[in-house]
């Protein structure tokens, strides 16, 4: 159990939410666990209001130790979650993957996560991670400041497409654009690897409709809800209301993501933000649990 203020009351509200939908819990495809010294640097970045926060005040809501954060997700009823970690320079990814394998070993309800970077040897360590049981990869185009269509990554994308391992990719230009963010570079990757299971983080914020286009064009492209539709994000990058029917039609390929613990509001707010879209209980059940449970082959 966590010492987070109000955690137990919030957990009650979260459990009422998914129990009310008749679900066995939640599956969250976008949560961050990484080596403590790396995570603390990430938190320091958010505290400093750097360009990657869009200069917006961003208080971290769940600043607990690793085991307390995992316990809190369990208290919320999250059946499976990820360790989204990512390098910002060459030479980091293999080391991060080693840490992530250890985290997966001591955290059986986490989905073994790995990452990559355009560098010599990337295909080799991606293959090693997949053979070691990695079930999802994280690519962060904005922080890594690389082109996902870089030829250095081509063999790695091919490996992941062949293995059917999903990749959660931060490729939209929110909260601040990068040199290689936006739909163009990802479209070039998908043109070469149409079966690649890309999960576009943050619904591709703010280029929502461009990424809906890609999801409509490629059957293995999915979108995660991370921070989308919340009061915080709607102030900066509102989701276009005219696109809601398209979002409803893609109900089998939208996955719950939250950015826990690095969110400036309570976890429950993300769930309420999805609920108030008013796309129906069937859509909510699929998004909050069933789509990811099917993608990752979770029991039950």
C-alpha atoms as a PDB file:
ATOM      1  CA  UNK A   1       0.000   0.000   0.000  1.00  0.00           C
ATOM      2  CA  UNK A   2       1.256   3.486  -0.808  1.00  0.00           C
ATOM      3  CA  UNK A   3       1.729   6.439   1.524  1.00  0.00           C
ATOM      4  CA  UNK A   4       0.498   8.745  -1.235  1.00  0.00           C
ATOM      5  CA  UNK A   5      -2.017  11.223   0.242  1.00  0.00           C
ATOM      6  CA  UNK A   6      -5.549  10.166  -0.628  1.00  0.00           C
ATOM      7  CA  UNK A   7      -4.340   7.005  -2.383  1.00  0.00           C
ATOM      8  CA  UNK A   8      -6.835   4.696  -0.709  1.00  0.00           C
ATOM      9  CA  UNK A   9      -9.803   6.940  -1.476  1.00  0.00           C
ATOM     10  CA  UNK A  10      -8.609   7.304  -5.070  1.00  0.00           C
ATOM     11  CA  UNK A  11      -8.135   3.538  -5.357  1.00  0.00           C
ATOM     12  CA  UNK A  12     -11.741   3.050  -4.253  1.00  0.00           C
ATOM     13  CA  UNK A  13     -12.917   5.404  -7.000  1.00  0.00           C
ATOM     14  CA  UNK A  14     -10.792   3.681  -9.638  1.00  0.00           C
ATOM     15  CA  UNK A  15     -12.044   0.234  -8.645  1.00  0.00           C
ATOM     16  CA  UNK A  16     -15.647   1.458  -8.748  1.00  0.00           C
ATOM     17  CA  UNK A  17     -14.970   2.701 -12.295  1.00  0.00           C
ATOM     18  CA  UNK A  18     -13.799  -0.634 -13.726  1.00  0.00           C
ATOM     19  CA  UNK A  19     -16.103  -2.771 -11.610  1.00  0.00           C
ATOM     20  CA  UNK A  20     -19.002  -0.680 -12.919  1.00  0.00           C
ATOM     21  CA  UNK A  21     -17.955  -1.660 -16.444  1.00  0.00           C
ATOM     22  CA  UNK A  22     -17.866  -5.340 -15.497  1.00  0.00           C
ATOM     23  CA  UNK A  23     -14.102  -5.569 -16.008  1.00  0.00           C
ATOM     24  CA  UNK A  24     -11.577  -7.666 -14.045  1.00  0.00           C
ATOM     25  CA  UNK A  25      -9.319  -4.597 -13.760  1.00  0.00           C
ATOM     26  CA  UNK A  26      -7.364  -2.244 -16.020  1.00  0.00           C
ATOM     27  CA  UNK A  27      -4.418  -2.711 -18.389  1.00  0.00           C
ATOM     28  CA  UNK A  28      -2.191   0.374 -18.665  1.00  0.00           C
ATOM     29  CA  UNK A  29       0.249   0.268 -21.606  1.00  0.00           C
ATOM     30  CA  UNK A  30       2.028   3.533 -20.753  1.00  0.00           C
ATOM     31  CA  UNK A  31       3.523   3.629 -17.258  1.00  0.00           C
ATOM     32  CA  UNK A  32       7.102   4.575 -16.463  1.00  0.00           C
ATOM     33  CA  UNK A  33       9.509   2.488 -14.417  1.00  0.00           C
ATOM     34  CA  UNK A  34      13.227   3.024 -14.983  1.00  0.00           C
ATOM     35  CA  UNK A  35      16.466   3.102 -12.994  1.00  0.00           C
ATOM     36  CA  UNK A  36      15.994   5.437 -10.035  1.00  0.00           C
ATOM     37  CA  UNK A  37      18.760   7.849 -11.006  1.00  0.00           C
ATOM     38  CA  UNK A  38      17.315   8.118 -14.524  1.00  0.00           C
ATOM     39  CA  UNK A  39      13.785   8.643 -13.227  1.00  0.00           C
ATOM     40  CA  UNK A  40      14.946  11.340 -10.832  1.00  0.00           C
ATOM     41  CA  UNK A  41      16.571  13.172 -13.746  1.00  0.00           C
ATOM     42  CA  UNK A  42      13.265  12.946 -15.612  1.00  0.00           C
ATOM     43  CA  UNK A  43      11.438  14.369 -12.594  1.00  0.00           C
ATOM     44  CA  UNK A  44      14.009  17.157 -12.293  1.00  0.00           C
ATOM     45  CA  UNK A  45      13.370  17.993 -15.941  1.00  0.00           C
ATOM     46  CA  UNK A  46       9.631  18.255 -15.360  1.00  0.00           C
ATOM     47  CA  UNK A  47      10.266  20.369 -12.257  1.00  0.00           C
ATOM     48  CA  UNK A  48      12.428  22.764 -14.282  1.00  0.00           C
ATOM     49  CA  UNK A  49       9.733  23.427 -16.929  1.00  0.00           C
ATOM     50  CA  UNK A  50      11.996  22.627 -19.864  1.00  0.00           C
ATOM     51  CA  UNK A  51      11.009  22.712 -23.517  1.00  0.00           C
ATOM     52  CA  UNK A  52       9.802  19.103 -23.401  1.00  0.00           C
ATOM     53  CA  UNK A  53       7.070  20.190 -20.978  1.00  0.00           C
ATOM     54  CA  UNK A  54       6.095  23.046 -23.278  1.00  0.00           C
ATOM     55  CA  UNK A  55       7.115  25.375 -20.457  1.00  0.00           C
ATOM     56  CA  UNK A  56       3.958  24.361 -18.577  1.00  0.00           C
ATOM     57  CA  UNK A  57       3.983  23.735 -14.826  1.00  0.00           C
ATOM     58  CA  UNK A  58       4.012  19.964 -14.402  1.00  0.00           C
ATOM     59  CA  UNK A  59       3.882  18.717 -10.789  1.00  0.00           C
ATOM     60  CA  UNK A  60       4.579  14.972 -10.517  1.00  0.00           C
ATOM     61  CA  UNK A  61       1.644  13.416  -8.642  1.00  0.00           C
ATOM     62  CA  UNK A  62       3.139  10.017  -7.705  1.00  0.00           C
ATOM     63  CA  UNK A  63       6.702  10.665  -6.553  1.00  0.00           C
ATOM     64  CA  UNK A  64       7.033   7.412  -4.570  1.00  0.00           C
ATOM     65  CA  UNK A  65       9.767   4.802  -4.502  1.00  0.00           C
ATOM     66  CA  UNK A  66       9.568   2.053  -7.132  1.00  0.00           C
ATOM     67  CA  UNK A  67       7.958  -0.637  -4.981  1.00  0.00           C
ATOM     68  CA  UNK A  68       5.370   1.833  -3.665  1.00  0.00           C
ATOM     69  CA  UNK A  69       4.462   2.909  -7.197  1.00  0.00           C
ATOM     70  CA  UNK A  70       3.950  -0.701  -8.275  1.00  0.00           C
ATOM     71  CA  UNK A  71       1.876  -1.384  -5.148  1.00  0.00           C
ATOM     72  CA  UNK A  72      -0.261   1.650  -5.893  1.00  0.00           C
ATOM     73  CA  UNK A  73      -1.032   0.414  -9.416  1.00  0.00           C
ATOM     74  CA  UNK A  74      -2.060  -2.933  -7.937  1.00  0.00           C
ATOM     75  CA  UNK A  75      -4.283  -1.153  -5.430  1.00  0.00           C
ATOM     76  CA  UNK A  76      -5.877   0.681  -8.356  1.00  0.00           C
ATOM     77  CA  UNK A  77      -6.635  -2.717  -9.935  1.00  0.00           C
ATOM     78  CA  UNK A  78      -4.167  -2.426 -12.826  1.00  0.00           C
ATOM     79  CA  UNK A  79      -3.651  -6.053 -13.934  1.00  0.00           C
ATOM     80  CA  UNK A  80      -0.694  -5.325 -16.211  1.00  0.00           C
ATOM     81  CA  UNK A  81       1.501  -2.287 -16.788  1.00  0.00           C
ATOM     82  CA  UNK A  82       4.704  -1.344 -18.594  1.00  0.00           C
ATOM     83  CA  UNK A  83       8.152   0.032 -17.795  1.00  0.00           C
ATOM     84  CA  UNK A  84       8.367   2.699 -20.498  1.00  0.00           C
ATOM     85  CA  UNK A  85      12.059   3.635 -20.525  1.00  0.00           C
ATOM     86  CA  UNK A  86      14.076   5.285 -23.264  1.00  0.00           C
ATOM     87  CA  UNK A  87      17.593   6.446 -24.104  1.00  0.00           C
ATOM     88  CA  UNK A  88      18.496  10.020 -25.034  1.00  0.00           C
ATOM     89  CA  UNK A  89      21.920   9.132 -26.482  1.00  0.00           C
ATOM     90  CA  UNK A  90      23.819   6.194 -27.991  1.00  0.00           C
ATOM     91  CA  UNK A  91      25.062   3.459 -25.676  1.00  0.00           C
ATOM     92  CA  UNK A  92      22.155   3.669 -23.217  1.00  0.00           C
ATOM     93  CA  UNK A  93      19.554   1.325 -24.677  1.00  0.00           C
ATOM     94  CA  UNK A  94      21.303  -1.987 -24.028  1.00  0.00           C
ATOM     95  CA  UNK A  95      21.974  -0.979 -20.404  1.00  0.00           C
ATOM     96  CA  UNK A  96      18.353   0.121 -19.954  1.00  0.00           C
ATOM     97  CA  UNK A  97      17.171  -3.194 -21.407  1.00  0.00           C
ATOM     98  CA  UNK A  98      19.262  -5.063 -18.846  1.00  0.00           C
ATOM     99  CA  UNK A  99      17.663  -3.064 -16.038  1.00  0.00           C
ATOM    100  CA  UNK A 100      14.179  -3.605 -17.520  1.00  0.00           C
ATOM    101  CA  UNK A 101      14.701  -7.377 -17.667  1.00  0.00           C
ATOM    102  CA  UNK A 102      15.521  -7.308 -13.955  1.00  0.00           C
ATOM    103  CA  UNK A 103      12.450  -5.191 -13.228  1.00  0.00           C
ATOM    104  CA  UNK A 104      10.252  -7.627 -15.155  1.00  0.00           C
ATOM    105  CA  UNK A 105      11.761 -10.515 -13.195  1.00  0.00           C
ATOM    106  CA  UNK A 106      10.892  -8.978  -9.825  1.00  0.00           C
ATOM    107  CA  UNK A 107       7.550  -7.508 -10.999  1.00  0.00           C
ATOM    108  CA  UNK A 108       5.545 -10.352 -12.528  1.00  0.00           C
ATOM    109  CA  UNK A 109       2.479  -8.203 -13.302  1.00  0.00           C
ATOM    110  CA  UNK A 110       4.562  -5.842 -15.445  1.00  0.00           C
ATOM    111  CA  UNK A 111       4.882  -6.377 -19.185  1.00  0.00           C
ATOM    112  CA  UNK A 112       8.589  -6.890 -19.909  1.00  0.00           C
ATOM    113  CA  UNK A 113       9.583  -3.672 -21.689  1.00  0.00           C
ATOM    114  CA  UNK A 114      12.646  -2.841 -23.808  1.00  0.00           C
ATOM    115  CA  UNK A 115      13.853   0.108 -25.873  1.00  0.00           C
ATOM    116  CA  UNK A 116      16.107   1.006 -28.813  1.00  0.00           C
ATOM    117  CA  UNK A 117      18.130   3.786 -30.430  1.00  0.00           C
ATOM    118  CA  UNK A 118      19.542   4.259 -33.957  1.00  0.00           C
ATOM    119  CA  UNK A 119      23.108   3.057 -33.406  1.00  0.00           C
ATOM    120  CA  UNK A 120      25.427   0.248 -34.442  1.00  0.00           C
ATOM    121  CA  UNK A 121      24.325  -3.070 -32.976  1.00  0.00           C
ATOM    122  CA  UNK A 122      20.692  -2.071 -32.437  1.00  0.00           C
ATOM    123  CA  UNK A 123      19.281  -5.067 -34.326  1.00  0.00           C
ATOM    124  CA  UNK A 124      21.399  -7.397 -32.203  1.00  0.00           C
ATOM    125  CA  UNK A 125      20.272  -6.099 -28.832  1.00  0.00           C
ATOM    126  CA  UNK A 126      16.649  -5.842 -30.007  1.00  0.00           C
ATOM    127  CA  UNK A 127      16.802  -9.529 -30.974  1.00  0.00           C
ATOM    128  CA  UNK A 128      18.376 -10.353 -27.594  1.00  0.00           C
ATOM    129  CA  UNK A 129      15.586  -8.498 -25.762  1.00  0.00           C
ATOM    130  CA  UNK A 130      12.859 -10.262 -27.745  1.00  0.00           C
ATOM    131  CA  UNK A 131      14.490 -13.656 -27.112  1.00  0.00           C
ATOM    132  CA  UNK A 132      14.707 -12.740 -23.399  1.00  0.00           C
ATOM    133  CA  UNK A 133      10.939 -12.247 -23.331  1.00  0.00           C
ATOM    134  CA  UNK A 134      10.382  -8.550 -24.021  1.00  0.00           C
ATOM    135  CA  UNK A 135       6.684  -8.063 -24.764  1.00  0.00           C
ATOM    136  CA  UNK A 136       6.641  -4.348 -25.630  1.00  0.00           C
ATOM    137  CA  UNK A 137       9.189  -1.735 -26.753  1.00  0.00           C
ATOM    138  CA  UNK A 138       9.313   1.997 -26.130  1.00  0.00           C
ATOM    139  CA  UNK A 139      10.613   4.505 -28.710  1.00  0.00           C
ATOM    140  CA  UNK A 140      10.795   8.197 -27.817  1.00  0.00           C
ATOM    141  CA  UNK A 141      11.418  10.216 -30.961  1.00  0.00           C
ATOM    142  CA  UNK A 142      11.134  13.547 -29.142  1.00  0.00           C
ATOM    143  CA  UNK A 143      13.574  12.866 -26.289  1.00  0.00           C
ATOM    144  CA  UNK A 144      15.922  10.780 -28.430  1.00  0.00           C
ATOM    145  CA  UNK A 145      15.833  13.434 -31.174  1.00  0.00           C
ATOM    146  CA  UNK A 146      16.149  10.823 -33.928  1.00  0.00           C
ATOM    147  CA  UNK A 147      14.311  10.011 -37.129  1.00  0.00           C
ATOM    148  CA  UNK A 148      12.398   6.735 -36.645  1.00  0.00           C
ATOM    149  CA  UNK A 149      12.849   6.146 -40.379  1.00  0.00           C
ATOM    150  CA  UNK A 150      16.651   6.247 -39.959  1.00  0.00           C
ATOM    151  CA  UNK A 151      18.124   3.313 -41.910  1.00  0.00           C
ATOM    152  CA  UNK A 152      20.009   2.270 -38.760  1.00  0.00           C
ATOM    153  CA  UNK A 153      16.658   1.175 -37.290  1.00  0.00           C
ATOM    154  CA  UNK A 154      15.328  -0.609 -40.353  1.00  0.00           C
ATOM    155  CA  UNK A 155      16.435  -4.118 -39.386  1.00  0.00           C
ATOM    156  CA  UNK A 156      15.164  -3.600 -35.818  1.00  0.00           C
ATOM    157  CA  UNK A 157      11.716  -2.540 -37.039  1.00  0.00           C
ATOM    158  CA  UNK A 158      11.695  -5.576 -39.314  1.00  0.00           C
ATOM    159  CA  UNK A 159      12.527  -7.878 -36.400  1.00  0.00           C
ATOM    160  CA  UNK A 160       9.778  -6.389 -34.247  1.00  0.00           C
ATOM    161  CA  UNK A 161       7.225  -6.574 -37.061  1.00  0.00           C
ATOM    162  CA  UNK A 162       8.100 -10.226 -37.639  1.00  0.00           C
ATOM    163  CA  UNK A 163       7.924 -11.047 -33.917  1.00  0.00           C
ATOM    164  CA  UNK A 164       4.629  -9.165 -33.503  1.00  0.00           C
ATOM    165  CA  UNK A 165       6.017  -7.218 -30.532  1.00  0.00           C
ATOM    166  CA  UNK A 166       4.214  -3.868 -30.069  1.00  0.00           C
ATOM    167  CA  UNK A 167       6.174  -0.604 -29.913  1.00  0.00           C
ATOM    168  CA  UNK A 168       4.776   2.333 -27.951  1.00  0.00           C
ATOM    169  CA  UNK A 169       6.192   5.327 -29.794  1.00  0.00           C
ATOM    170  CA  UNK A 170       6.117   8.970 -28.730  1.00  0.00           C
ATOM    171  CA  UNK A 171       6.119  10.561 -32.166  1.00  0.00           C
ATOM    172  CA  UNK A 172       3.571  13.385 -31.948  1.00  0.00           C
ATOM    173  CA  UNK A 173       4.768  16.967 -31.509  1.00  0.00           C
ATOM    174  CA  UNK A 174       3.307  17.483 -28.042  1.00  0.00           C
ATOM    175  CA  UNK A 175       4.049  19.008 -25.640  1.00  0.00           C
ATOM    176  CA  UNK A 176       6.732  20.655 -27.814  1.00  0.00           C
ATOM    177  CA  UNK A 177       7.763  19.758 -31.379  1.00  0.00           C
ATOM    178  CA  UNK A 178      11.060  18.062 -32.151  1.00  0.00           C
ATOM    179  CA  UNK A 179      13.039  17.814 -35.370  1.00  0.00           C
ATOM    180  CA  UNK A 180      11.584  14.373 -36.191  1.00  0.00           C
ATOM    181  CA  UNK A 181       8.151  14.484 -34.523  1.00  0.00           C
ATOM    182  CA  UNK A 182       4.887  14.476 -36.441  1.00  0.00           C
ATOM    183  CA  UNK A 183       3.284  11.911 -38.751  1.00  0.00           C
ATOM    184  CA  UNK A 184       5.751  12.058 -41.657  1.00  0.00           C
ATOM    185  CA  UNK A 185       8.677  10.021 -40.268  1.00  0.00           C
ATOM    186  CA  UNK A 186       6.375   7.355 -38.809  1.00  0.00           C
ATOM    187  CA  UNK A 187       4.497   7.110 -42.104  1.00  0.00           C
ATOM    188  CA  UNK A 188       7.831   6.326 -43.784  1.00  0.00           C
ATOM    189  CA  UNK A 189       8.504   3.551 -41.245  1.00  0.00           C
ATOM    190  CA  UNK A 190       5.056   2.048 -41.831  1.00  0.00           C
ATOM    191  CA  UNK A 191       5.440   2.202 -45.613  1.00  0.00           C
ATOM    192  CA  UNK A 192       8.435  -0.144 -45.214  1.00  0.00           C
ATOM    193  CA  UNK A 193       6.995  -2.217 -42.336  1.00  0.00           C
ATOM    194  CA  UNK A 194       3.196  -2.208 -42.672  1.00  0.00           C
ATOM    195  CA  UNK A 195       2.768  -5.044 -40.163  1.00  0.00           C
ATOM    196  CA  UNK A 196       4.697  -3.247 -37.411  1.00  0.00           C
ATOM    197  CA  UNK A 197       2.516  -2.993 -34.308  1.00  0.00           C
ATOM    198  CA  UNK A 198       3.031   0.678 -33.504  1.00  0.00           C
ATOM    199  CA  UNK A 199       1.103   2.105 -30.560  1.00  0.00           C
ATOM    200  CA  UNK A 200       1.099   5.882 -31.013  1.00  0.00           C
ATOM    201  CA  UNK A 201       1.503   7.448 -27.571  1.00  0.00           C
ATOM    202  CA  UNK A 202      -0.723  10.330 -26.481  1.00  0.00           C
ATOM    203  CA  UNK A 203      -3.032   9.702 -29.468  1.00  0.00           C
ATOM    204  CA  UNK A 204      -0.329  11.505 -31.484  1.00  0.00           C
ATOM    205  CA  UNK A 205      -1.049  14.797 -29.704  1.00  0.00           C
ATOM    206  CA  UNK A 206      -1.462  17.416 -31.140  1.00  0.00           C
ATOM    207  CA  UNK A 207      -1.555  15.867 -34.657  1.00  0.00           C
ATOM    208  CA  UNK A 208      -4.505  13.685 -33.646  1.00  0.00           C
ATOM    209  CA  UNK A 209      -6.192  13.504 -37.033  1.00  0.00           C
ATOM    210  CA  UNK A 210      -2.969  12.715 -38.921  1.00  0.00           C
ATOM    211  CA  UNK A 211      -2.368   9.728 -36.640  1.00  0.00           C
ATOM    212  CA  UNK A 212      -5.992   8.641 -36.940  1.00  0.00           C
ATOM    213  CA  UNK A 213      -5.293   8.598 -40.695  1.00  0.00           C
ATOM    214  CA  UNK A 214      -2.376   6.212 -40.147  1.00  0.00           C
ATOM    215  CA  UNK A 215      -4.440   3.970 -37.876  1.00  0.00           C
ATOM    216  CA  UNK A 216      -7.173   3.828 -40.501  1.00  0.00           C
ATOM    217  CA  UNK A 217      -4.618   2.984 -43.207  1.00  0.00           C
ATOM    218  CA  UNK A 218      -2.618   0.352 -41.271  1.00  0.00           C
ATOM    219  CA  UNK A 219      -4.473  -2.361 -39.383  1.00  0.00           C
ATOM    220  CA  UNK A 220      -1.697  -2.897 -36.814  1.00  0.00           C
ATOM    221  CA  UNK A 221      -1.427   0.767 -35.776  1.00  0.00           C
ATOM    222  CA  UNK A 222      -2.958   1.539 -32.407  1.00  0.00           C
ATOM    223  CA  UNK A 223      -3.298   4.672 -30.292  1.00  0.00           C
ATOM    224  CA  UNK A 224      -2.824   5.055 -26.548  1.00  0.00           C
ATOM    225  CA  UNK A 225      -4.848   7.532 -24.534  1.00  0.00           C
ATOM    226  CA  UNK A 226      -1.969   8.864 -22.427  1.00  0.00           C
ATOM    227  CA  UNK A 227      -2.907  12.336 -21.154  1.00  0.00           C
ATOM    228  CA  UNK A 228      -5.348  12.854 -24.033  1.00  0.00           C
ATOM    229  CA  UNK A 229      -8.775  14.312 -23.224  1.00  0.00           C
ATOM    230  CA  UNK A 230      -7.686  15.393 -19.705  1.00  0.00           C
ATOM    231  CA  UNK A 231      -8.312  18.960 -18.558  1.00  0.00           C
ATOM    232  CA  UNK A 232      -4.534  19.496 -18.567  1.00  0.00           C
ATOM    233  CA  UNK A 233      -4.082  18.486 -22.212  1.00  0.00           C
ATOM    234  CA  UNK A 234      -7.338  19.940 -23.496  1.00  0.00           C
ATOM    235  CA  UNK A 235      -6.088  23.403 -22.491  1.00  0.00           C
ATOM    236  CA  UNK A 236      -2.953  22.968 -24.626  1.00  0.00           C
ATOM    237  CA  UNK A 237      -4.002  20.602 -27.424  1.00  0.00           C
ATOM    238  CA  UNK A 238      -7.745  19.929 -27.514  1.00  0.00           C
ATOM    239  CA  UNK A 239      -8.884  16.805 -29.312  1.00  0.00           C
ATOM    240  CA  UNK A 240     -11.018  17.863 -32.313  1.00  0.00           C
ATOM    241  CA  UNK A 241     -14.652  17.049 -31.575  1.00  0.00           C
ATOM    242  CA  UNK A 242     -15.318  16.331 -35.258  1.00  0.00           C
ATOM    243  CA  UNK A 243     -12.902  13.373 -35.010  1.00  0.00           C
ATOM    244  CA  UNK A 244     -14.806  11.586 -32.222  1.00  0.00           C
ATOM    245  CA  UNK A 245     -16.747   9.332 -34.656  1.00  0.00           C
ATOM    246  CA  UNK A 246     -13.404   8.162 -36.086  1.00  0.00           C
ATOM    247  CA  UNK A 247     -12.165   7.461 -32.570  1.00  0.00           C
ATOM    248  CA  UNK A 248     -15.332   5.477 -31.861  1.00  0.00           C
ATOM    249  CA  UNK A 249     -14.878   3.456 -35.055  1.00  0.00           C
ATOM    250  CA  UNK A 250     -11.309   2.559 -34.004  1.00  0.00           C
ATOM    251  CA  UNK A 251     -12.555   1.263 -30.663  1.00  0.00           C
ATOM    252  CA  UNK A 252     -10.696  -2.042 -31.038  1.00  0.00           C
ATOM    253  CA  UNK A 253      -7.326  -0.286 -31.448  1.00  0.00           C
ATOM    254  CA  UNK A 254      -7.332   2.360 -28.712  1.00  0.00           C
ATOM    255  CA  UNK A 255      -5.482   1.376 -25.521  1.00  0.00           C
ATOM    256  CA  UNK A 256      -5.456   2.881 -22.055  1.00  0.00           C
ATOM    257  CA  UNK A 257      -2.227   4.689 -21.246  1.00  0.00           C
ATOM    258  CA  UNK A 258      -1.708   7.195 -18.431  1.00  0.00           C
ATOM    259  CA  UNK A 259       1.979   8.259 -18.039  1.00  0.00           C
ATOM    260  CA  UNK A 260       1.867   7.187 -14.378  1.00  0.00           C
ATOM    261  CA  UNK A 261       3.683   8.336 -12.256  1.00  0.00           C
ATOM    262  CA  UNK A 262       4.679  11.425 -14.261  1.00  0.00           C
ATOM    263  CA  UNK A 263       1.240  13.025 -14.398  1.00  0.00           C
ATOM    264  CA  UNK A 264       0.169  16.410 -13.003  1.00  0.00           C
ATOM    265  CA  UNK A 265      -3.248  15.168 -11.812  1.00  0.00           C
ATOM    266  CA  UNK A 266      -4.748  12.039 -10.168  1.00  0.00           C
ATOM    267  CA  UNK A 267      -4.857   8.747 -12.108  1.00  0.00           C
ATOM    268  CA  UNK A 268      -8.649   8.658 -11.846  1.00  0.00           C
ATOM    269  CA  UNK A 269      -8.908  11.841 -13.914  1.00  0.00           C
ATOM    270  CA  UNK A 270      -7.666  10.017 -17.036  1.00  0.00           C
ATOM    271  CA  UNK A 271     -10.454   7.459 -16.636  1.00  0.00           C
ATOM    272  CA  UNK A 272     -13.102  10.126 -16.128  1.00  0.00           C
ATOM    273  CA  UNK A 273     -11.759  11.993 -19.174  1.00  0.00           C
ATOM    274  CA  UNK A 274     -12.376   8.887 -21.288  1.00  0.00           C
ATOM    275  CA  UNK A 275     -15.791   8.335 -19.756  1.00  0.00           C
ATOM    276  CA  UNK A 276     -16.972  11.862 -20.535  1.00  0.00           C
ATOM    277  CA  UNK A 277     -16.256  11.363 -24.252  1.00  0.00           C
ATOM    278  CA  UNK A 278     -19.586   9.522 -24.087  1.00  0.00           C
ATOM    279  CA  UNK A 279     -18.581   6.842 -26.603  1.00  0.00           C
ATOM    280  CA  UNK A 280     -20.378   4.129 -24.649  1.00  0.00           C
ATOM    281  CA  UNK A 281     -19.548   1.388 -22.172  1.00  0.00           C
ATOM    282  CA  UNK A 282     -18.526  -1.119 -24.833  1.00  0.00           C
ATOM    283  CA  UNK A 283     -15.878   1.330 -26.109  1.00  0.00           C
ATOM    284  CA  UNK A 284     -14.665   2.007 -22.553  1.00  0.00           C
ATOM    285  CA  UNK A 285     -14.386  -1.708 -21.753  1.00  0.00           C
ATOM    286  CA  UNK A 286     -12.336  -2.290 -24.880  1.00  0.00           C
ATOM    287  CA  UNK A 287     -10.043   0.689 -24.273  1.00  0.00           C
ATOM    288  CA  UNK A 288      -9.501   0.206 -20.548  1.00  0.00           C
ATOM    289  CA  UNK A 289      -8.878  -3.523 -20.633  1.00  0.00           C
ATOM    290  CA  UNK A 290      -9.951  -5.800 -23.468  1.00  0.00           C
ATOM    291  CA  UNK A 291      -7.875  -4.423 -26.366  1.00  0.00           C
ATOM    292  CA  UNK A 292      -4.591  -4.607 -24.457  1.00  0.00           C
ATOM    293  CA  UNK A 293      -5.507  -7.933 -22.857  1.00  0.00           C
ATOM    294  CA  UNK A 294      -5.990  -9.358 -26.346  1.00  0.00           C
ATOM    295  CA  UNK A 295      -2.828  -7.724 -27.731  1.00  0.00           C
ATOM    296  CA  UNK A 296      -0.665  -9.129 -24.916  1.00  0.00           C
ATOM    297  CA  UNK A 297      -2.500 -12.435 -24.515  1.00  0.00           C
ATOM    298  CA  UNK A 298      -3.397 -11.854 -20.880  1.00  0.00           C
ATOM    299  CA  UNK A 299      -5.330 -14.664 -19.186  1.00  0.00           C
ATOM    300  CA  UNK A 300      -9.034 -14.255 -18.531  1.00  0.00           C
END
